[in-house]
Amino acid sequence: MPTIDLNEKIKEDLKKIKEVNGCKTYSEAVAILMRSNKIEDIMSNFFSHIMGRLTQLSQSIENIKQSQ
């Protein structure tokens, strides 16, 4: 599972939104992002990433238990 730096991805998206829409602040860009459908994609990717990490953690715990 590839690791995605979600913070960097969101920062890039906000920078683009800010430039395209002529926003003066990142708060304005966040508001535009929140009203868009893209936020659903970001949240879906975020939760998929978290679930992948939790699965890896669970497997590591099982491996440790089995090795004892």
Protein backbone atom coordinates (compact mmCIF):
# COMPACT_ATOMS: atom_id res chain seq x y z
CA MET A 1 0.00 0.00 0.00
CA PRO A 2 1.61 3.27 -1.06
CA THR A 3 2.05 5.88 1.61
CA ILE A 4 0.46 9.21 0.74
CA ASP A 5 1.46 12.34 2.60
CA LEU A 6 -2.06 13.65 3.04
CA ASN A 7 -0.92 16.90 4.64
CA GLU A 8 1.16 17.76 1.58
CA LYS A 9 -1.68 16.78 -0.78
CA ILE A 10 -4.16 18.97 1.07
CA LYS A 11 -1.68 21.86 1.18
CA GLU A 12 -1.19 21.58 -2.60
CA ASP A 13 -4.94 21.50 -3.19
CA LEU A 14 -5.52 24.53 -0.98
CA LYS A 15 -2.73 26.46 -2.70
CA LYS A 16 -4.30 25.73 -6.11
CA ILE A 17 -7.77 26.70 -4.89
CA LYS A 18 -6.39 29.90 -3.40
CA GLU A 19 -4.64 30.86 -6.65
CA VAL A 20 -7.50 29.92 -9.00
CA ASN A 21 -10.23 31.61 -6.97
CA GLY A 22 -8.20 34.64 -5.93
CA CYS A 23 -8.61 33.88 -2.23
CA LYS A 24 -6.75 36.21 0.12
CA THR A 25 -6.49 33.67 2.93
CA TYR A 26 -6.28 29.93 3.31
CA SER A 27 -9.49 30.09 5.34
CA GLU A 28 -11.33 31.18 2.20
CA ALA A 29 -9.73 28.31 0.27
CA VAL A 30 -10.77 25.85 2.99
CA ALA A 31 -14.36 27.11 2.76
CA ILE A 32 -14.36 26.54 -1.01
CA LEU A 33 -12.87 23.08 -0.53
CA MET A 34 -15.49 22.19 2.07
CA ARG A 35 -18.29 23.17 -0.32
CA SER A 36 -16.84 21.08 -3.13
CA ASN A 37 -17.25 17.37 -3.72
CA LYS A 38 -13.49 16.96 -3.51
CA ILE A 39 -13.64 16.94 0.29
CA GLU A 40 -15.41 13.57 0.07
CA ASP A 41 -12.49 12.17 -1.92
CA ILE A 42 -9.97 13.57 0.55
CA MET A 43 -11.84 12.12 3.54
CA SER A 44 -12.26 8.76 1.80
CA ASN A 45 -8.52 8.63 1.06
CA PHE A 46 -7.74 9.67 4.63
CA PHE A 47 -9.90 6.93 6.15
CA SER A 48 -8.54 4.33 3.72
CA HIS A 49 -5.02 5.35 4.74
CA ILE A 50 -5.88 5.08 8.46
CA MET A 51 -7.56 1.70 8.00
CA GLY A 52 -4.51 0.43 6.12
CA ARG A 53 -2.25 1.54 8.97
CA LEU A 54 -4.51 -0.08 11.57
CA THR A 55 -4.47 -3.32 9.59
CA GLN A 56 -0.66 -3.25 9.49
CA LEU A 57 -0.54 -2.58 13.23
CA SER A 58 -2.94 -5.43 13.94
CA GLN A 59 -0.86 -7.82 11.82
CA SER A 60 2.32 -6.75 13.61
CA ILE A 61 0.69 -7.38 16.99
CA GLU A 62 -0.44 -10.84 15.85
CA ASN A 63 3.07 -11.63 14.61
CA ILE A 64 4.56 -10.59 17.96
CA LYS A 65 2.03 -12.72 19.86
CA GLN A 66 2.78 -15.75 17.68
CA SER A 67 6.53 -15.39 18.10
CA GLN A 68 6.31 -15.46 21.91
